[in-house]
PDB file of N, CA and C in Angstrom:
ATOM      1  N   MET A   1     154.704  68.311 220.850  1.00  0.00           N
ATOM      2  CA  MET A   1     153.431  68.999 220.888  1.00  0.00           C
ATOM      3  C   MET A   1     152.364  68.206 220.138  1.00  0.00           C
ATOM      4  N   GLU A   2     152.771  67.568 219.056  1.00  0.00           N
ATOM      5  CA  GLU A   2     151.830  66.823 218.234  1.00  0.00           C
ATOM      6  C   GLU A   2     151.436  65.616 219.073  1.00  0.00           C
ATOM      7  N   PHE A   3     152.480  65.046 219.723  1.00  0.00           N
ATOM      8  CA  PHE A   3     152.017  63.734 220.593  1.00  0.00           C
ATOM      9  C   PHE A   3     150.993  64.038 221.616  1.00  0.00           C
ATOM     10  N   ALA A   4     151.101  65.236 222.314  1.00  0.00           N
ATOM     11  CA  ALA A   4     150.194  65.556 223.365  1.00  0.00           C
ATOM     12  C   ALA A   4     148.728  65.799 222.640  1.00  0.00           C
ATOM     13  N   ALA A   5     148.734  66.190 221.504  1.00  0.00           N
ATOM     14  CA  ALA A   5     147.469  66.456 220.844  1.00  0.00           C
ATOM     15  C   ALA A   5     146.816  65.185 220.357  1.00  0.00           C
ATOM     16  N   VAL A   6     147.585  64.172 220.044  1.00  0.00           N
ATOM     17  CA  VAL A   6     147.108  62.950 219.572  1.00  0.00           C
ATOM     18  C   VAL A   6     146.695  61.985 220.645  1.00  0.00           C
ATOM     19  N   VAL A   7     147.171  62.211 221.838  1.00  0.00           N
ATOM     20  CA  VAL A   7     147.011  61.151 222.978  1.00  0.00           C
ATOM     21  C   VAL A   7     145.431  60.951 223.302  1.00  0.00           C
ATOM     22  N   PRO A   8     144.705  62.080 223.408  1.00  0.00           N
ATOM     23  CA  PRO A   8     143.328  61.925 223.720  1.00  0.00           C
ATOM     24  C   PRO A   8     142.527  61.125 222.654  1.00  0.00           C
ATOM     25  N   PHE A   9     142.957  61.353 221.366  1.00  0.00           N
ATOM     26  CA  PHE A   9     142.401  60.602 220.321  1.00  0.00           C
ATOM     27  C   PHE A   9     142.749  59.077 220.346  1.00  0.00           C
ATOM     28  N   LEU A  10     143.916  58.838 220.692  1.00  0.00           N
ATOM     29  CA  LEU A  10     144.420  57.459 220.868  1.00  0.00           C
ATOM     30  C   LEU A  10     143.725  56.827 222.032  1.00  0.00           C
ATOM     31  N   MET A  11     143.521  57.532 223.047  1.00  0.00           N
ATOM     32  CA  MET A  11     142.706  56.913 224.360  1.00  0.00           C
ATOM     33  C   MET A  11     141.237  56.712 223.810  1.00  0.00           C
ATOM     34  N   LEU A  12     140.718  57.652 223.147  1.00  0.00           N
ATOM     35  CA  LEU A  12     139.368  57.421 222.710  1.00  0.00           C
ATOM     36  C   LEU A  12     139.231  56.259 221.792  1.00  0.00           C
ATOM     37  N   ALA A  13     140.117  56.068 220.836  1.00  0.00           N
ATOM     38  CA  ALA A  13     140.031  54.894 220.022  1.00  0.00           C
ATOM     39  C   ALA A  13     140.221  53.636 220.842  1.00  0.00           C
ATOM     40  N   LEU A  14     141.116  53.724 221.740  1.00  0.00           N
ATOM     41  CA  LEU A  14     141.394  52.387 222.587  1.00  0.00           C
ATOM     42  C   LEU A  14     140.064  52.138 223.378  1.00  0.00           C
ATOM     43  N   ALA A  15     139.490  53.107 223.952  1.00  0.00           N
ATOM     44  CA  ALA A  15     138.124  52.931 224.703  1.00  0.00           C
ATOM     45  C   ALA A  15     137.063  52.370 223.835  1.00  0.00           C
ATOM     46  N   LEU A  16     136.961  52.769 222.573  1.00  0.00           N
ATOM     47  CA  LEU A  16     135.935  52.181 221.597  1.00  0.00           C
ATOM     48  C   LEU A  16     136.332  50.848 221.222  1.00  0.00           C
ATOM     49  N   VAL A  17     137.565  50.494 221.033  1.00  0.00           N
ATOM     50  CA  VAL A  17     137.903  49.069 220.721  1.00  0.00           C
ATOM     51  C   VAL A  17     137.653  48.194 221.912  1.00  0.00           C
ATOM     52  N   TRP A  18     137.983  48.680 223.148  1.00  0.00           N
ATOM     53  CA  TRP A  18     137.520  47.973 224.311  1.00  0.00           C
ATOM     54  C   TRP A  18     136.151  47.650 224.508  1.00  0.00           C
ATOM     55  N   GLN A  19     135.379  48.738 224.172  1.00  0.00           N
ATOM     56  CA  GLN A  19     133.810  48.569 224.333  1.00  0.00           C
ATOM     57  C   GLN A  19     133.270  47.543 223.267  1.00  0.00           C
ATOM     58  N   VAL A  20     133.841  47.569 222.069  1.00  0.00           N
ATOM     59  CA  VAL A  20     133.487  46.730 221.065  1.00  0.00           C
ATOM     60  C   VAL A  20     133.720  45.279 221.437  1.00  0.00           C
ATOM     61  N   LEU A  21     134.946  45.106 222.035  1.00  0.00           N
ATOM     62  CA  LEU A  21     135.441  43.784 222.611  1.00  0.00           C
ATOM     63  C   LEU A  21     134.442  43.272 223.712  1.00  0.00           C
ATOM     64  N   LEU A  22     133.958  44.139 224.567  1.00  0.00           N
ATOM     65  CA  LEU A  22     132.933  43.793 225.602  1.00  0.00           C
ATOM     66  C   LEU A  22     131.661  43.416 225.026  1.00  0.00           C
ATOM     67  N   LEU A  23     131.300  44.163 223.885  1.00  0.00           N
ATOM     68  CA  LEU A  23     130.107  43.794 223.248  1.00  0.00           C
ATOM     69  C   LEU A  23     130.011  42.402 222.620  1.00  0.00           C
ATOM     70  N   GLY A  24     131.272  42.085 222.038  1.00  0.00           N
ATOM     71  CA  GLY A  24     131.408  40.700 221.393  1.00  0.00           C
ATOM     72  C   GLY A  24     131.408  39.631 222.545  1.00  0.00           C
ATOM     73  N   ILE A  25     132.165  39.875 223.544  1.00  0.00           N
ATOM     74  CA  ILE A  25     132.135  38.859 224.553  1.00  0.00           C
ATOM     75  C   ILE A  25     130.710  38.655 225.264  1.00  0.00           C
ATOM     76  N   THR A  26     130.035  39.736 225.470  1.00  0.00           N
ATOM     77  CA  THR A  26     128.666  39.679 226.017  1.00  0.00           C
ATOM     78  C   THR A  26     127.748  38.947 225.013  1.00  0.00           C
ATOM     79  N   SER A  27     127.818  39.199 223.797  1.00  0.00           N
ATOM     80  CA  SER A  27     127.014  38.497 222.825  1.00  0.00           C
ATOM     81  C   SER A  27     127.376  37.039 222.788  1.00  0.00           C
ATOM     82  N   MET A  28     128.676  36.663 222.831  1.00  0.00           N
ATOM     83  CA  MET A  28     129.128  35.220 222.811  1.00  0.00           C
ATOM     84  C   MET A  28     128.549  34.477 224.042  1.00  0.00           C
ATOM     85  N   TYR A  29     128.578  35.181 225.224  1.00  0.00           N
ATOM     86  CA  TYR A  29     128.006  34.553 226.355  1.00  0.00           C
ATOM     87  C   TYR A  29     126.602  34.369 226.313  1.00  0.00           C
ATOM     88  N   ALA A  30     125.863  35.279 225.804  1.00  0.00           N
ATOM     89  CA  ALA A  30     124.423  35.154 225.650  1.00  0.00           C
ATOM     90  C   ALA A  30     124.102  33.980 224.731  1.00  0.00           C
ATOM     91  N   SER A  31     124.887  33.795 223.558  1.00  0.00           N
ATOM     92  CA  SER A  31     124.571  32.793 222.767  1.00  0.00           C
ATOM     93  C   SER A  31     124.866  31.456 223.365  1.00  0.00           C
ATOM     94  N   HIS A  32     126.024  31.303 224.038  1.00  0.00           N
ATOM     95  CA  HIS A  32     126.288  30.073 224.577  1.00  0.00           C
ATOM     96  C   HIS A  32     125.327  29.697 225.756  1.00  0.00           C
ATOM     97  N   GLY A  33     124.812  30.701 226.568  1.00  0.00           N
ATOM     98  CA  GLY A  33     123.822  30.405 227.499  1.00  0.00           C
ATOM     99  C   GLY A  33     122.538  29.919 226.948  1.00  0.00           C
ATOM    100  N   ALA A  34     122.143  30.725 225.916  1.00  0.00           N
ATOM    101  CA  ALA A  34     120.815  30.278 225.236  1.00  0.00           C
ATOM    102  C   ALA A  34     120.941  28.917 224.664  1.00  0.00           C
ATOM    103  N   ALA A  35     121.962  28.554 224.053  1.00  0.00           N
ATOM    104  CA  ALA A  35     122.196  27.132 223.565  1.00  0.00           C
ATOM    105  C   ALA A  35     122.190  26.129 224.625  1.00  0.00           C
ATOM    106  N   GLU A  36     122.830  26.378 225.774  1.00  0.00           N
ATOM    107  CA  GLU A  36     122.728  25.352 226.894  1.00  0.00           C
ATOM    108  C   GLU A  36     121.339  25.389 227.520  1.00  0.00           C
ATOM    109  N   ALA A  37     120.766  26.453 227.518  1.00  0.00           N
ATOM    110  CA  ALA A  37     119.339  26.549 228.148  1.00  0.00           C
ATOM    111  C   ALA A  37     118.399  25.817 227.262  1.00  0.00           C
ATOM    112  N   ALA A  38     118.532  25.897 225.989  1.00  0.00           N
ATOM    113  CA  ALA A  38     117.697  25.203 225.103  1.00  0.00           C
ATOM    114  C   ALA A  38     117.875  23.559 225.156  1.00  0.00           C
ATOM    115  N   ARG A  39     119.139  23.268 225.194  1.00  0.00           N
ATOM    116  CA  ARG A  39     119.500  21.836 225.378  1.00  0.00           C
ATOM    117  C   ARG A  39     118.861  21.246 226.620  1.00  0.00           C
ATOM    118  N   GLN A  40     119.065  21.981 227.710  1.00  0.00           N
ATOM    119  CA  GLN A  40     118.572  21.495 229.084  1.00  0.00           C
ATOM    120  C   GLN A  40     116.938  21.575 229.026  1.00  0.00           C
ATOM    121  N   ALA A  41     116.374  22.568 228.351  1.00  0.00           N
ATOM    122  CA  ALA A  41     114.879  22.548 228.353  1.00  0.00           C
ATOM    123  C   ALA A  41     114.275  21.506 227.385  1.00  0.00           C
ATOM    124  N   ALA A  42     115.091  20.960 226.481  1.00  0.00           N
ATOM    125  CA  ALA A  42     114.641  19.875 225.641  1.00  0.00           C
ATOM    126  C   ALA A  42     114.645  18.627 226.464  1.00  0.00           C
ATOM    127  N   VAL A  43     115.535  18.487 227.442  1.00  0.00           N
ATOM    128  CA  VAL A  43     115.571  17.189 228.279  1.00  0.00           C
ATOM    129  C   VAL A  43     114.666  17.269 229.471  1.00  0.00           C
ATOM    130  N   THR A  44     114.647  18.461 230.194  1.00  0.00           N
ATOM    131  CA  THR A  44     113.815  18.558 231.414  1.00  0.00           C
ATOM    132  C   THR A  44     113.020  19.862 231.135  1.00  0.00           C
ATOM    133  N   PRO A  45     111.926  19.833 230.371  1.00  0.00           N
ATOM    134  CA  PRO A  45     111.064  21.022 230.183  1.00  0.00           C
ATOM    135  C   PRO A  45     110.373  21.762 231.226  1.00  0.00           C
ATOM    136  N   ASP A  46     110.121  20.938 232.230  1.00  0.00           N
ATOM    137  CA  ASP A  46     109.349  21.492 233.468  1.00  0.00           C
ATOM    138  C   ASP A  46     110.143  21.962 234.490  1.00  0.00           C
ATOM    139  N   ASP A  47     111.474  21.738 234.423  1.00  0.00           N
ATOM    140  CA  ASP A  47     112.403  22.233 235.445  1.00  0.00           C
ATOM    141  C   ASP A  47     113.184  23.480 235.118  1.00  0.00           C
ATOM    142  N   MET A  48     112.559  24.602 235.303  1.00  0.00           N
ATOM    143  CA  MET A  48     113.202  25.871 234.892  1.00  0.00           C
ATOM    144  C   MET A  48     114.356  26.281 235.841  1.00  0.00           C
ATOM    145  N   GLY A  49     114.374  25.774 236.970  1.00  0.00           N
ATOM    146  CA  GLY A  49     115.618  26.005 237.913  1.00  0.00           C
ATOM    147  C   GLY A  49     116.790  25.354 237.226  1.00  0.00           C
ATOM    148  N   ARG A  50     116.560  24.041 236.851  1.00  0.00           N
ATOM    149  CA  ARG A  50     117.790  23.414 236.180  1.00  0.00           C
ATOM    150  C   ARG A  50     118.210  24.012 234.981  1.00  0.00           C
ATOM    151  N   VAL A  51     117.211  24.509 234.043  1.00  0.00           N
ATOM    152  CA  VAL A  51     117.489  25.230 232.763  1.00  0.00           C
ATOM    153  C   VAL A  51     118.288  26.509 233.185  1.00  0.00           C
ATOM    154  N   ASP A  52     117.919  27.242 234.113  1.00  0.00           N
ATOM    155  CA  ASP A  52     118.683  28.406 234.414  1.00  0.00           C
ATOM    156  C   ASP A  52     120.100  28.145 235.036  1.00  0.00           C
ATOM    157  N   GLU A  53     120.203  27.050 235.872  1.00  0.00           N
ATOM    158  CA  GLU A  53     121.547  26.655 236.383  1.00  0.00           C
ATOM    159  C   GLU A  53     122.464  26.227 235.312  1.00  0.00           C
ATOM    160  N   GLU A  54     121.984  25.403 234.245  1.00  0.00           N
ATOM    161  CA  GLU A  54     122.876  24.906 233.196  1.00  0.00           C
ATOM    162  C   GLU A  54     123.193  26.146 232.241  1.00  0.00           C
ATOM    163  N   ALA A  55     122.371  27.063 232.112  1.00  0.00           N
ATOM    164  CA  ALA A  55     122.791  28.291 231.317  1.00  0.00           C
ATOM    165  C   ALA A  55     123.835  29.048 231.918  1.00  0.00           C
ATOM    166  N   ARG A  56     123.769  29.246 233.298  1.00  0.00           N
ATOM    167  CA  ARG A  56     124.738  30.016 234.144  1.00  0.00           C
ATOM    168  C   ARG A  56     125.984  29.390 234.137  1.00  0.00           C
ATOM    169  N   LYS A  57     126.157  28.055 233.941  1.00  0.00           N
ATOM    170  CA  LYS A  57     127.377  27.333 233.911  1.00  0.00           C
ATOM    171  C   LYS A  57     128.298  27.766 232.777  1.00  0.00           C
ATOM    172  N   ARG A  58     127.564  28.094 231.603  1.00  0.00           N
ATOM    173  CA  ARG A  58     128.243  28.496 230.346  1.00  0.00           C
ATOM    174  C   ARG A  58     128.628  29.916 230.282  1.00  0.00           C
ATOM    175  N   VAL A  59     128.221  30.745 231.372  1.00  0.00           N
ATOM    176  CA  VAL A  59     128.600  32.116 231.341  1.00  0.00           C
ATOM    177  C   VAL A  59     129.521  32.450 232.456  1.00  0.00           C
ATOM    178  N   ARG A  60     130.610  33.229 232.270  1.00  0.00           N
ATOM    179  CA  ARG A  60     131.583  33.508 233.248  1.00  0.00           C
ATOM    180  C   ARG A  60     131.182  34.638 234.165  1.00  0.00           C
ATOM    181  N   PRO A  61     131.621  34.700 235.216  1.00  0.00           N
ATOM    182  CA  PRO A  61     131.472  36.063 236.108  1.00  0.00           C
ATOM    183  C   PRO A  61     132.151  37.137 235.499  1.00  0.00           C
ATOM    184  N   PRO A  62     131.698  38.382 235.611  1.00  0.00           N
ATOM    185  CA  PRO A  62     130.512  38.798 236.339  1.00  0.00           C
ATOM    186  C   PRO A  62     129.232  38.810 235.428  1.00  0.00           C
ATOM    187  N   TRP A  63     129.356  38.238 234.253  1.00  0.00           N
ATOM    188  CA  TRP A  63     128.098  38.258 233.389  1.00  0.00           C
ATOM    189  C   TRP A  63     126.956  37.267 233.928  1.00  0.00           C
ATOM    190  N   ASP A  64     127.318  36.471 234.747  1.00  0.00           N
ATOM    191  CA  ASP A  64     126.327  35.408 235.177  1.00  0.00           C
ATOM    192  C   ASP A  64     125.644  35.868 236.468  1.00  0.00           C
ATOM    193  N   GLY A  65     125.821  37.065 236.909  1.00  0.00           N
ATOM    194  CA  GLY A  65     125.102  37.495 238.194  1.00  0.00           C
ATOM    195  C   GLY A  65     123.534  37.564 238.070  1.00  0.00           C
ATOM    196  N   ALA A  66     122.919  37.465 239.158  1.00  0.00           N
ATOM    197  CA  ALA A  66     121.369  37.517 239.178  1.00  0.00           C
ATOM    198  C   ALA A  66     120.920  38.781 238.634  1.00  0.00           C
ATOM    199  N   ASP A  67     121.672  39.953 238.815  1.00  0.00           N
ATOM    200  CA  ASP A  67     121.158  41.216 238.441  1.00  0.00           C
ATOM    201  C   ASP A  67     121.674  41.515 236.891  1.00  0.00           C
ATOM    202  N   THR A  68     122.479  40.624 236.302  1.00  0.00           N
ATOM    203  CA  THR A  68     122.934  40.915 234.973  1.00  0.00           C
ATOM    204  C   THR A  68     122.431  39.938 233.835  1.00  0.00           C
ATOM    205  N   MET A  69     121.899  38.734 234.269  1.00  0.00           N
ATOM    206  CA  MET A  69     121.551  37.733 233.435  1.00  0.00           C
ATOM    207  C   MET A  69     120.212  37.177 233.737  1.00  0.00           C
ATOM    208  N   THR A  70     119.364  37.034 232.731  1.00  0.00           N
ATOM    209  CA  THR A  70     117.984  36.421 232.898  1.00  0.00           C
ATOM    210  C   THR A  70     117.861  35.335 231.898  1.00  0.00           C
ATOM    211  N   VAL A  71     117.236  34.273 232.297  1.00  0.00           N
ATOM    212  CA  VAL A  71     116.985  33.232 231.396  1.00  0.00           C
ATOM    213  C   VAL A  71     115.416  32.957 231.422  1.00  0.00           C
ATOM    214  N   GLU A  72     114.905  32.778 230.266  1.00  0.00           N
ATOM    215  CA  GLU A  72     113.431  32.545 230.133  1.00  0.00           C
ATOM    216  C   GLU A  72     113.091  31.692 228.886  1.00  0.00           C
ATOM    217  N   ILE A  73     111.987  31.020 228.882  1.00  0.00           N
ATOM    218  CA  ILE A  73     111.555  30.197 227.926  1.00  0.00           C
ATOM    219  C   ILE A  73     110.365  31.087 227.231  1.00  0.00           C
ATOM    220  N   VAL A  74     110.520  31.393 225.851  1.00  0.00           N
ATOM    221  CA  VAL A  74     109.448  32.077 225.191  1.00  0.00           C
ATOM    222  C   VAL A  74     108.750  31.274 224.066  1.00  0.00           C
ATOM    223  N   GLU A  75     107.645  31.528 223.642  1.00  0.00           N
ATOM    224  CA  GLU A  75     106.962  30.674 222.612  1.00  0.00           C
ATOM    225  C   GLU A  75     106.395  31.685 221.616  1.00  0.00           C
ATOM    226  N   ARG A  76     106.762  31.407 220.299  1.00  0.00           N
ATOM    227  CA  ARG A  76     106.277  32.179 219.162  1.00  0.00           C
ATOM    228  C   ARG A  76     105.975  31.295 218.222  1.00  0.00           C
ATOM    229  N   ASP A  77     104.698  31.453 217.646  1.00  0.00           N
ATOM    230  CA  ASP A  77     104.169  30.597 216.474  1.00  0.00           C
ATOM    231  C   ASP A  77     104.251  29.137 216.744  1.00  0.00           C
ATOM    232  N   GLY A  78     104.020  28.725 218.053  1.00  0.00           N
ATOM    233  CA  GLY A  78     103.947  27.298 218.428  1.00  0.00           C
ATOM    234  C   GLY A  78     105.336  26.775 218.555  1.00  0.00           C
ATOM    235  N   VAL A  79     106.423  27.468 218.480  1.00  0.00           N
ATOM    236  CA  VAL A  79     107.823  27.024 218.718  1.00  0.00           C
ATOM    237  C   VAL A  79     108.360  27.630 220.029  1.00  0.00           C
ATOM    238  N   ARG A  80     108.919  26.830 220.808  1.00  0.00           N
ATOM    239  CA  ARG A  80     109.631  27.323 222.032  1.00  0.00           C
ATOM    240  C   ARG A  80     110.969  27.648 221.885  1.00  0.00           C
ATOM    241  N   TYR A  81     111.512  28.791 222.404  1.00  0.00           N
ATOM    242  CA  TYR A  81     112.819  29.310 222.465  1.00  0.00           C
ATOM    243  C   TYR A  81     113.396  29.519 223.789  1.00  0.00           C
ATOM    244  N   ALA A  82     114.650  29.273 224.019  1.00  0.00           N
ATOM    245  CA  ALA A  82     115.268  29.753 225.220  1.00  0.00           C
ATOM    246  C   ALA A  82     115.908  31.087 225.004  1.00  0.00           C
ATOM    247  N   ARG A  83     115.644  32.016 225.700  1.00  0.00           N
ATOM    248  CA  ARG A  83     116.156  33.327 225.558  1.00  0.00           C
ATOM    249  C   ARG A  83     117.038  33.749 226.808  1.00  0.00           C
ATOM    250  N   VAL A  84     118.276  34.115 226.552  1.00  0.00           N
ATOM    251  CA  VAL A  84     119.251  34.599 227.621  1.00  0.00           C
ATOM    252  C   VAL A  84     119.464  36.095 227.351  1.00  0.00           C
ATOM    253  N   THR A  85     119.248  36.917 228.245  1.00  0.00           N
ATOM    254  CA  THR A  85     119.504  38.379 228.187  1.00  0.00           C
ATOM    255  C   THR A  85     120.581  38.716 229.169  1.00  0.00           C
ATOM    256  N   LEU A  86     121.597  39.387 228.657  1.00  0.00           N
ATOM    257  CA  LEU A  86     122.765  39.963 229.532  1.00  0.00           C
ATOM    258  C   LEU A  86     122.787  41.430 229.478  1.00  0.00           C
ATOM    259  N   ALA A  87     123.077  42.000 230.649  1.00  0.00           N
ATOM    260  CA  ALA A  87     123.231  43.481 230.680  1.00  0.00           C
ATOM    261  C   ALA A  87     124.594  43.783 230.007  1.00  0.00           C
ATOM    262  N   MET A  88     124.611  44.799 229.116  1.00  0.00           N
ATOM    263  CA  MET A  88     125.833  45.228 228.343  1.00  0.00           C
ATOM    264  C   MET A  88     126.723  46.005 229.346  1.00  0.00           C
ATOM    265  N   PRO A  89     127.926  45.529 229.556  1.00  0.00           N
ATOM    266  CA  PRO A  89     128.928  46.327 230.494  1.00  0.00           C
ATOM    267  C   PRO A  89     129.343  47.507 229.736  1.00  0.00           C
ATOM    268  N   ILE A  90     129.546  48.530 230.652  1.00  0.00           N
ATOM    269  CA  ILE A  90     130.229  49.860 230.155  1.00  0.00           C
ATOM    270  C   ILE A  90     131.512  49.964 230.689  1.00  0.00           C
ATOM    271  N   PHE A  91     132.642  49.742 229.845  1.00  0.00           N
ATOM    272  CA  PHE A  91     134.097  49.889 230.025  1.00  0.00           C
ATOM    273  C   PHE A  91     134.644  48.887 231.045  1.00  0.00           C
ATOM    274  N   LEU A  92     133.854  48.389 232.057  1.00  0.00           N
ATOM    275  CA  LEU A  92     134.330  47.240 232.865  1.00  0.00           C
ATOM    276  C   LEU A  92     133.284  46.202 233.017  1.00  0.00           C
ATOM    277  N   PRO A  93     133.658  44.956 232.872  1.00  0.00           N
ATOM    278  CA  PRO A  93     132.698  43.742 233.244  1.00  0.00           C
ATOM    279  C   PRO A  93     132.188  44.091 234.557  1.00  0.00           C
ATOM    280  N   GLY A  94     130.845  43.962 234.700  1.00  0.00           N
ATOM    281  CA  GLY A  94     130.239  44.135 235.936  1.00  0.00           C
ATOM    282  C   GLY A  94     129.566  45.538 236.088  1.00  0.00           C
ATOM    283  N   ALA A  95     130.038  46.464 235.430  1.00  0.00           N
ATOM    284  CA  ALA A  95     129.479  47.850 235.301  1.00  0.00           C
ATOM    285  C   ALA A  95     128.424  47.858 234.303  1.00  0.00           C
ATOM    286  N   SER A  96     127.112  47.540 234.557  1.00  0.00           N
ATOM    287  CA  SER A  96     126.157  47.332 233.644  1.00  0.00           C
ATOM    288  C   SER A  96     125.701  48.761 233.077  1.00  0.00           C
ATOM    289  N   GLY A  97     125.447  48.849 231.826  1.00  0.00           N
ATOM    290  CA  GLY A  97     124.780  49.889 231.249  1.00  0.00           C
ATOM    291  C   GLY A  97     123.371  49.866 230.919  1.00  0.00           C
ATOM    292  N   PRO A  98     122.778  50.748 230.131  1.00  0.00           N
ATOM    293  CA  PRO A  98     121.313  50.726 229.962  1.00  0.00           C
ATOM    294  C   PRO A  98     120.907  49.776 228.875  1.00  0.00           C
ATOM    295  N   TRP A  99     121.797  49.039 228.176  1.00  0.00           N
ATOM    296  CA  TRP A  99     121.505  48.229 227.101  1.00  0.00           C
ATOM    297  C   TRP A  99     121.646  46.729 227.519  1.00  0.00           C
ATOM    298  N   ASP A 100     120.778  46.030 226.807  1.00  0.00           N
ATOM    299  CA  ASP A 100     120.865  44.513 226.950  1.00  0.00           C
ATOM    300  C   ASP A 100     121.240  43.795 225.657  1.00  0.00           C
ATOM    301  N   ILE A 101     121.842  42.717 225.937  1.00  0.00           N
ATOM    302  CA  ILE A 101     122.241  41.727 224.709  1.00  0.00           C
ATOM    303  C   ILE A 101     121.381  40.508 224.860  1.00  0.00           C
ATOM    304  N   ALA A 102     120.583  40.088 223.875  1.00  0.00           N
ATOM    305  CA  ALA A 102     119.748  38.839 224.140  1.00  0.00           C
ATOM    306  C   ALA A 102     120.030  37.926 222.950  1.00  0.00           C
ATOM    307  N   ALA A 103     119.994  36.678 223.278  1.00  0.00           N
ATOM    308  CA  ALA A 103     120.276  35.640 222.285  1.00  0.00           C
ATOM    309  C   ALA A 103     119.069  34.555 222.616  1.00  0.00           C
ATOM    310  N   GLU A 104     118.771  33.980 221.472  1.00  0.00           N
ATOM    311  CA  GLU A 104     117.694  32.908 221.484  1.00  0.00           C
ATOM    312  C   GLU A 104     118.204  31.661 220.826  1.00  0.00           C
ATOM    313  N   SER A 105     117.712  30.532 221.302  1.00  0.00           N
ATOM    314  CA  SER A 105     117.977  29.223 220.674  1.00  0.00           C
ATOM    315  C   SER A 105     116.769  28.438 220.757  1.00  0.00           C
ATOM    316  N   ARG A 106     116.535  27.770 219.601  1.00  0.00           N
ATOM    317  CA  ARG A 106     115.287  26.978 219.413  1.00  0.00           C
ATOM    318  C   ARG A 106     115.308  25.670 220.400  1.00  0.00           C
ATOM    319  N   ILE A 107     114.249  25.321 220.979  1.00  0.00           N
ATOM    320  CA  ILE A 107     114.294  24.154 221.765  1.00  0.00           C
ATOM    321  C   ILE A 107     113.626  23.019 220.893  1.00  0.00           C
ATOM    322  N   VAL A 108     114.406  21.988 220.730  1.00  0.00           N
ATOM    323  CA  VAL A 108     113.950  20.853 219.963  1.00  0.00           C
ATOM    324  C   VAL A 108     113.729  19.753 221.000  1.00  0.00           C
ATOM    325  N   PRO A 109     112.460  19.306 221.110  1.00  0.00           N
ATOM    326  CA  PRO A 109     112.057  18.501 222.247  1.00  0.00           C
ATOM    327  C   PRO A 109     112.644  17.075 221.925  1.00  0.00           C
ATOM    328  N   GLU A 110     112.970  16.329 222.920  1.00  0.00           N
ATOM    329  CA  GLU A 110     113.508  14.977 222.794  1.00  0.00           C
ATOM    330  C   GLU A 110     112.316  14.121 222.330  1.00  0.00           C
ATOM    331  N   ILE A 111     112.523  13.111 221.451  1.00  0.00           N
ATOM    332  CA  ILE A 111     111.549  12.229 221.041  1.00  0.00           C
ATOM    333  C   ILE A 111     112.027  10.806 221.174  1.00  0.00           C
ATOM    334  N   ARG A 112     111.130   9.811 221.207  1.00  0.00           N
ATOM    335  CA  ARG A 112     111.512   8.491 221.337  1.00  0.00           C
ATOM    336  C   ARG A 112     112.134   7.977 220.071  1.00  0.00           C
ATOM    337  N   PRO A 113     113.096   7.128 220.223  1.00  0.00           N
ATOM    338  CA  PRO A 113     113.708   6.406 218.929  1.00  0.00           C
ATOM    339  C   PRO A 113     112.524   5.617 218.194  1.00  0.00           C
ATOM    340  N   ARG A 114     112.681   5.477 217.008  1.00  0.00           N
ATOM    341  CA  ARG A 114     111.793   4.871 216.184  1.00  0.00           C
ATOM    342  C   ARG A 114     111.470   3.458 216.503  1.00  0.00           C
ATOM    343  N   GLY A 115     112.507   2.702 216.959  1.00  0.00           N
ATOM    344  CA  GLY A 115     112.303   1.281 217.337  1.00  0.00           C
ATOM    345  C   GLY A 115     111.820   1.095 218.700  1.00  0.00           C
ATOM    346  N   ASP A 116     111.614   2.077 219.486  1.00  0.00           N
ATOM    347  CA  ASP A 116     111.040   2.009 220.914  1.00  0.00           C
ATOM    348  C   ASP A 116     109.563   1.635 220.801  1.00  0.00           C
ATOM    349  N   VAL A 117     109.088   0.556 221.450  1.00  0.00           N
ATOM    350  CA  VAL A 117     107.782   0.142 221.378  1.00  0.00           C
ATOM    351  C   VAL A 117     107.153   0.420 222.860  1.00  0.00           C
ATOM    352  N   SER A 118     107.865   0.842 223.872  1.00  0.00           N
ATOM    353  CA  SER A 118     107.289   1.034 225.111  1.00  0.00           C
ATOM    354  C   SER A 118     106.534   2.160 225.248  1.00  0.00           C
TER     355      SER A 118
END
């Protein structure tokens, strides 16, 4: 009898642990995508298509879908950042919920080496 009473609580605990795991994975993918987008934006700042493509390479399906992932370049206080926003899945990857997870990475522009005279 006690086992039957405890099973719903165990299932609830398991569902909460699973949801926290999905939150962590989503956050990790957003961070990796933002870092890759910032790296690519430093190399090719005018090619947003290439920045988006490189960021999506760092994110696994189904998180990299067009309806679940957005990549943008934002500017605050004269500093440019790459922002990746992923839709937070609910219980199953691909089942998007009402929340988004965003990560930003600063874009450090490429500069000429000091010895370059050209």
